[in-house]
């Protein structure tokens, strides 16, 4: 029996789709083991524990330090805990893609995509006020595995970082920018990957990287014996677990129209406030004059098609 190219393409497509669900169960097993090693729930595992586990039980956790760095799965900024493997970055790394071709990869599920989709659907626009984002995120509970059911990490410092991200964009936070992705990583450190700046990390498969992608046994043993002496009583905030945070922004969409509208709205508001302070008794008349202007700008935001675009 002879098959056409279309027949073979369909068969291969069905096989890879069904295999993806099987591989996801393997991914879940890896995630569970990594989370058991993440005692502070920072989304990070000390490299010493990572290699120690590989030497004892798990053959998978054997990528070399250089390869982990190349893939963006290594946090080297902590003076307390030393080098750490970032769980979501590691799970999304090319080394965990079971099918690997130049144009097609079957990899582990990105749990952050569903969280961002929920936020995006609730906001309904590519930008939002910090208060709007916090109201939505507070109601989300991440559940990467059956054993992990944690609320988002939200405290005063996280609120301040969100305000800082908005300050550089006229009071609004771009939902598809690096700063918000970074904020999401610290709100959901086990689900959302840390967003490196452009050019820092690369999607390199083990075949492309070469034999050096596997760590040598002596190197693994050396790291495994180098356990950091951290008091058990210390919390993750005391450990400065957000040491990898950086203020650089990178936008994935063209926000020029939205940010320009935001600037116009804030400028008019400040101008109106200044006039109200000066004129005093005529405040009612001035307020009636500026109200239609503000309403028209808000209407532009809700009616323009660009503000309903959803990109994942």
Protein backbone atom coordinates (compact mmCIF):
# COMPACT_ATOMS: atom_id res chain seq x y z
CA UNK A 1 0.00 0.00 0.00
CA UNK A 2 1.30 3.42 -0.92
CA UNK A 3 0.68 6.55 1.17
CA UNK A 4 0.72 10.14 0.03
CA UNK A 5 2.78 12.84 1.70
CA UNK A 6 -0.42 14.25 3.23
CA UNK A 7 -1.28 10.84 4.75
CA UNK A 8 2.18 10.46 6.32
CA UNK A 9 2.10 14.05 7.58
CA UNK A 10 -1.24 13.43 9.31
CA UNK A 11 -0.02 10.17 10.87
CA UNK A 12 3.15 11.79 12.21
CA UNK A 13 1.10 14.71 13.55
CA UNK A 14 -1.21 12.36 15.47
CA UNK A 15 1.74 10.45 16.93
CA UNK A 16 3.53 13.56 18.14
CA UNK A 17 0.34 14.99 19.68
CA UNK A 18 -0.34 11.82 21.66
CA UNK A 19 3.33 11.55 22.65
CA UNK A 20 3.25 15.12 23.97
CA UNK A 21 0.69 14.14 26.62
CA UNK A 22 2.89 11.22 27.67
CA UNK A 23 5.94 13.47 27.96
CA UNK A 24 4.00 15.95 30.07
CA UNK A 25 3.58 13.26 32.72
CA UNK A 26 7.36 12.90 32.75
CA UNK A 27 7.68 16.68 33.05
CA UNK A 28 5.30 16.66 36.03
CA UNK A 29 7.49 14.06 37.72
CA UNK A 30 10.58 16.24 37.25
CA UNK A 31 8.75 19.33 38.56
CA UNK A 32 7.63 17.48 41.68
CA UNK A 33 11.20 16.43 42.47
CA UNK A 34 12.54 19.95 41.92
CA UNK A 35 9.84 21.48 44.12
CA UNK A 36 10.71 19.08 46.94
CA UNK A 37 14.23 20.51 46.79
CA UNK A 38 12.88 24.10 46.81
CA UNK A 39 12.49 24.42 50.58
CA UNK A 40 12.01 28.22 50.53
CA UNK A 41 9.51 28.19 47.62
CA UNK A 42 11.55 30.66 45.62
CA UNK A 43 11.36 28.68 42.39
CA UNK A 44 15.07 27.91 42.77
CA UNK A 45 17.13 24.87 43.71
CA UNK A 46 20.77 25.22 44.83
CA UNK A 47 23.08 23.70 42.25
CA UNK A 48 24.54 21.56 45.04
CA UNK A 49 21.13 19.96 45.67
CA UNK A 50 20.45 19.66 41.94
CA UNK A 51 23.62 17.66 41.32
CA UNK A 52 23.35 15.80 44.62
CA UNK A 53 19.93 14.51 43.59
CA UNK A 54 21.29 13.53 40.17
CA UNK A 55 24.13 11.55 41.75
CA UNK A 56 21.79 9.74 44.14
CA UNK A 57 18.60 9.03 42.21
CA UNK A 58 17.69 11.16 39.17
CA UNK A 59 19.66 10.70 35.95
CA UNK A 60 17.93 13.66 34.27
CA UNK A 61 19.46 16.46 36.36
CA UNK A 62 22.88 16.16 34.78
CA UNK A 63 23.25 19.23 32.55
CA UNK A 64 26.59 20.98 32.91
CA UNK A 65 26.89 24.32 34.65
CA UNK A 66 27.89 26.01 31.38
CA UNK A 67 24.90 24.53 29.54
CA UNK A 68 22.47 25.60 32.28
CA UNK A 69 23.91 29.11 32.03
CA UNK A 70 23.57 29.11 28.23
CA UNK A 71 19.88 28.15 28.49
CA UNK A 72 19.15 30.83 31.11
CA UNK A 73 18.35 28.31 33.83
CA UNK A 74 21.07 29.40 36.27
CA UNK A 75 20.78 32.20 38.85
CA UNK A 76 24.24 33.28 39.98
CA UNK A 77 23.28 36.46 41.87
CA UNK A 78 22.63 35.12 45.38
CA UNK A 79 25.44 35.59 47.89
CA UNK A 80 23.58 33.43 50.41
CA UNK A 81 22.69 30.36 48.38
CA UNK A 82 25.29 30.46 45.63
CA UNK A 83 24.41 29.18 42.17
CA UNK A 84 20.80 28.07 41.79
CA UNK A 85 18.78 26.34 39.09
CA UNK A 86 15.60 28.31 38.24
CA UNK A 87 12.83 25.70 38.16
CA UNK A 88 10.52 27.15 35.44
CA UNK A 89 13.45 28.15 33.23
CA UNK A 90 14.93 24.68 33.57
CA UNK A 91 11.61 23.01 32.80
CA UNK A 92 11.25 25.14 29.65
CA UNK A 93 14.85 24.58 28.56
CA UNK A 94 15.62 22.75 25.32
CA UNK A 95 17.33 19.94 27.24
CA UNK A 96 13.86 18.84 28.41
CA UNK A 97 12.35 18.78 24.92
CA UNK A 98 12.05 15.09 24.09
CA UNK A 99 11.50 15.66 20.35
CA UNK A 100 14.03 18.05 18.87
CA UNK A 101 14.35 19.13 15.23
CA UNK A 102 15.52 22.42 13.72
CA UNK A 103 11.91 23.63 13.42
CA UNK A 104 9.92 21.54 15.89
CA UNK A 105 10.25 20.78 19.61
CA UNK A 106 8.04 18.77 21.99
CA UNK A 107 8.73 20.36 25.36
CA UNK A 108 7.25 20.63 28.84
CA UNK A 109 4.14 22.73 29.42
CA UNK A 110 4.59 26.39 30.29
CA UNK A 111 2.27 26.93 33.28
CA UNK A 112 2.73 30.69 33.10
CA UNK A 113 0.86 30.88 29.80
CA UNK A 114 -2.44 29.95 31.45
CA UNK A 115 -1.83 32.48 34.26
CA UNK A 116 -1.08 35.27 31.77
CA UNK A 117 -4.12 34.28 29.69
CA UNK A 118 -6.32 34.60 32.79
CA UNK A 119 -4.88 38.04 33.56
CA UNK A 120 -5.18 39.12 29.94
CA UNK A 121 -8.83 38.04 29.74
CA UNK A 122 -9.71 39.83 32.97
CA UNK A 123 -7.97 43.09 31.97
CA UNK A 124 -9.13 43.09 28.34
CA UNK A 125 -6.38 45.49 27.24
CA UNK A 126 -2.60 45.32 26.68
CA UNK A 127 -1.95 47.76 29.53
CA UNK A 128 -3.45 48.23 32.98
CA UNK A 129 -3.14 50.21 36.18
CA UNK A 130 -1.18 48.50 38.97
CA UNK A 131 -4.33 48.41 41.11
CA UNK A 132 -6.21 46.58 38.33
CA UNK A 133 -3.45 43.99 37.99
CA UNK A 134 -3.25 43.40 41.74
CA UNK A 135 -7.01 42.93 41.98
CA UNK A 136 -6.86 40.20 39.34
CA UNK A 137 -3.67 38.47 40.51
CA UNK A 138 -4.86 38.29 44.13
CA UNK A 139 -7.67 36.00 43.00
CA UNK A 140 -5.39 33.56 41.15
CA UNK A 141 -4.00 30.44 42.80
CA UNK A 142 -1.24 28.60 40.97
CA UNK A 143 -1.31 24.83 41.09
CA UNK A 144 1.59 23.39 39.16
CA UNK A 145 1.19 19.95 40.71
CA UNK A 146 -1.42 18.27 42.90
CA UNK A 147 0.86 18.82 45.89
CA UNK A 148 1.51 22.48 45.13
CA UNK A 149 -1.38 24.90 45.67
CA UNK A 150 0.06 28.29 46.56
CA UNK A 151 -1.29 31.86 46.41
CA UNK A 152 0.80 34.46 44.57
CA UNK A 153 3.63 36.17 46.42
CA UNK A 154 2.32 39.71 46.92
CA UNK A 155 3.73 42.07 49.52
CA UNK A 156 4.64 45.75 49.82
CA UNK A 157 7.87 45.33 47.86
CA UNK A 158 6.03 43.59 45.01
CA UNK A 159 3.44 46.39 44.93
CA UNK A 160 6.26 48.92 44.79
CA UNK A 161 7.94 47.14 41.87
CA UNK A 162 4.67 47.13 39.95
CA UNK A 163 4.30 50.86 40.58
CA UNK A 164 7.84 51.42 39.32
CA UNK A 165 7.07 49.50 36.14
CA UNK A 166 4.02 51.71 35.59
CA UNK A 167 5.89 54.95 36.35
CA UNK A 168 8.06 54.61 33.26
CA UNK A 169 4.98 54.12 31.06
CA UNK A 170 2.70 56.96 32.10
CA UNK A 171 1.09 55.08 34.98
CA UNK A 172 0.18 51.94 33.03
CA UNK A 173 1.90 48.56 33.02
CA UNK A 174 2.40 46.89 29.60
CA UNK A 175 1.24 43.29 30.07
CA UNK A 176 3.55 42.02 27.33
CA UNK A 177 6.78 43.59 28.47
CA UNK A 178 9.83 42.27 30.25
CA UNK A 179 9.19 44.11 33.54
CA UNK A 180 5.72 42.60 33.97
CA UNK A 181 7.03 39.15 33.00
CA UNK A 182 9.73 39.59 35.65
CA UNK A 183 7.12 40.68 38.19
CA UNK A 184 5.01 37.62 37.32
CA UNK A 185 8.03 35.39 37.88
CA UNK A 186 8.37 36.63 41.45
CA UNK A 187 4.61 36.48 42.03
CA UNK A 188 4.57 32.86 40.76
CA UNK A 189 8.23 31.78 41.05
CA UNK A 190 7.57 28.11 40.36
CA UNK A 191 5.35 28.66 37.34
CA UNK A 192 6.66 31.69 35.43
CA UNK A 193 10.18 31.69 33.95
CA UNK A 194 12.55 34.53 34.70
CA UNK A 195 12.67 36.74 31.57
CA UNK A 196 16.27 37.37 30.64
CA UNK A 197 17.21 40.36 28.53
CA UNK A 198 17.52 39.80 24.80
CA UNK A 199 20.67 37.92 23.88
CA UNK A 200 21.42 36.57 27.37
CA UNK A 201 19.88 33.08 26.99
CA UNK A 202 19.48 30.85 23.96
CA UNK A 203 17.40 27.85 22.91
CA UNK A 204 20.18 25.37 22.30
CA UNK A 205 19.49 21.63 22.14
CA UNK A 206 21.99 19.13 23.55
CA UNK A 207 22.86 18.08 19.99
CA UNK A 208 23.62 21.68 19.04
CA UNK A 209 25.64 22.33 22.21
CA UNK A 210 27.74 19.22 21.90
CA UNK A 211 29.17 16.73 24.39
CA UNK A 212 29.81 19.49 26.95
CA UNK A 213 26.09 19.65 27.74
CA UNK A 214 26.54 16.83 30.27
CA UNK A 215 28.30 17.58 33.56
CA UNK A 216 31.31 15.51 34.51
CA UNK A 217 30.94 13.29 37.55
CA UNK A 218 33.81 15.00 39.38
CA UNK A 219 32.25 18.44 38.82
CA UNK A 220 28.88 17.22 40.07
CA UNK A 221 30.45 15.74 43.19
CA UNK A 222 32.35 18.94 43.87
CA UNK A 223 29.18 21.04 43.62
CA UNK A 224 27.16 18.52 45.64
CA UNK A 225 29.66 18.76 48.52
CA UNK A 226 29.58 22.57 48.46
CA UNK A 227 26.39 23.03 50.50
CA UNK A 228 25.74 26.64 51.56
CA UNK A 229 25.51 27.21 55.31
CA UNK A 230 22.17 29.01 55.58
CA UNK A 231 20.37 29.09 58.97
CA UNK A 232 17.07 27.22 58.81
CA UNK A 233 15.34 30.10 60.60
CA UNK A 234 15.99 32.55 57.76
CA UNK A 235 13.05 33.40 55.50
CA UNK A 236 13.29 33.90 51.75
CA UNK A 237 13.05 37.69 52.07
CA UNK A 238 16.02 37.68 54.46
CA UNK A 239 17.90 35.62 51.87
CA UNK A 240 17.31 38.42 49.33
CA UNK A 241 15.74 35.90 46.98
CA UNK A 242 14.85 38.61 44.43
CA UNK A 243 18.50 39.44 43.80
CA UNK A 244 18.09 38.72 40.09
CA UNK A 245 15.62 41.60 39.58
CA UNK A 246 16.73 44.21 37.02
CA UNK A 247 14.96 47.45 35.94
CA UNK A 248 15.50 47.10 32.17
CA UNK A 249 12.33 47.02 30.10
CA UNK A 250 11.80 45.31 26.74
CA UNK A 251 8.40 45.53 25.04
CA UNK A 252 7.09 42.71 22.88
CA UNK A 253 4.35 44.85 21.27
CA UNK A 254 4.15 48.33 19.79
CA UNK A 255 2.70 50.32 22.70
CA UNK A 256 3.32 53.75 21.18
CA UNK A 257 -0.36 54.62 20.69
CA UNK A 258 -1.45 53.38 24.13
CA UNK A 259 1.41 55.06 25.97
CA UNK A 260 0.87 58.30 24.06
CA UNK A 261 -2.80 58.26 25.07
CA UNK A 262 -1.80 57.62 28.67
CA UNK A 263 0.61 60.57 28.58
CA UNK A 264 -2.08 62.87 27.14
CA UNK A 265 -4.57 61.78 29.79
CA UNK A 266 -2.14 62.34 32.66
CA UNK A 267 -1.01 65.68 31.23
CA UNK A 268 -4.59 66.96 30.91
CA UNK A 269 -5.38 65.77 34.42
CA UNK A 270 -2.38 67.63 35.88
CA UNK A 271 -3.29 70.75 33.88
CA UNK A 272 -6.88 70.62 35.07
CA UNK A 273 -5.79 70.13 38.67
CA UNK A 274 -3.44 73.11 38.46
CA UNK A 275 -6.18 75.35 37.05
CA UNK A 276 -8.64 74.25 39.73
CA UNK A 277 -6.16 75.19 42.44
CA UNK A 278 -5.69 78.63 40.93
CA UNK A 279 -9.23 79.66 40.02
CA UNK A 280 -10.96 78.45 43.19
CA UNK A 281 -14.56 79.80 42.98
CA UNK A 282 -14.90 78.96 39.27
CA UNK A 283 -13.94 75.32 39.83
CA UNK A 284 -17.37 73.95 38.85
CA UNK A 285 -17.26 75.68 35.47
CA UNK A 286 -13.71 74.43 34.77
CA UNK A 287 -14.58 70.87 35.77
CA UNK A 288 -17.47 70.78 33.32
CA UNK A 289 -15.12 71.94 30.58
CA UNK A 290 -12.51 69.22 31.16
CA UNK A 291 -14.86 66.28 31.81
CA UNK A 292 -15.80 65.63 28.14
CA UNK A 293 -12.12 65.64 27.16
CA UNK A 294 -11.25 62.92 29.67
CA UNK A 295 -14.26 60.83 28.64
CA UNK A 296 -13.34 61.00 24.97
CA UNK A 297 -9.81 59.76 25.69
CA UNK A 298 -11.10 56.85 27.73
CA UNK A 299 -13.54 56.01 24.94
CA UNK A 300 -10.67 55.91 22.46
CA UNK A 301 -8.96 53.34 24.68
CA UNK A 302 -11.97 51.00 24.80
CA UNK A 303 -12.99 51.26 21.13
CA UNK A 304 -9.65 51.04 19.35
CA UNK A 305 -9.00 47.49 18.03
CA UNK A 306 -5.37 47.58 19.15
CA UNK A 307 -6.43 47.46 22.79
CA UNK A 308 -8.31 44.20 22.30
CA UNK A 309 -5.38 42.35 20.75
CA UNK A 310 -4.30 39.27 22.69
CA UNK A 311 -0.86 37.85 22.01
CA UNK A 312 0.66 34.96 23.93
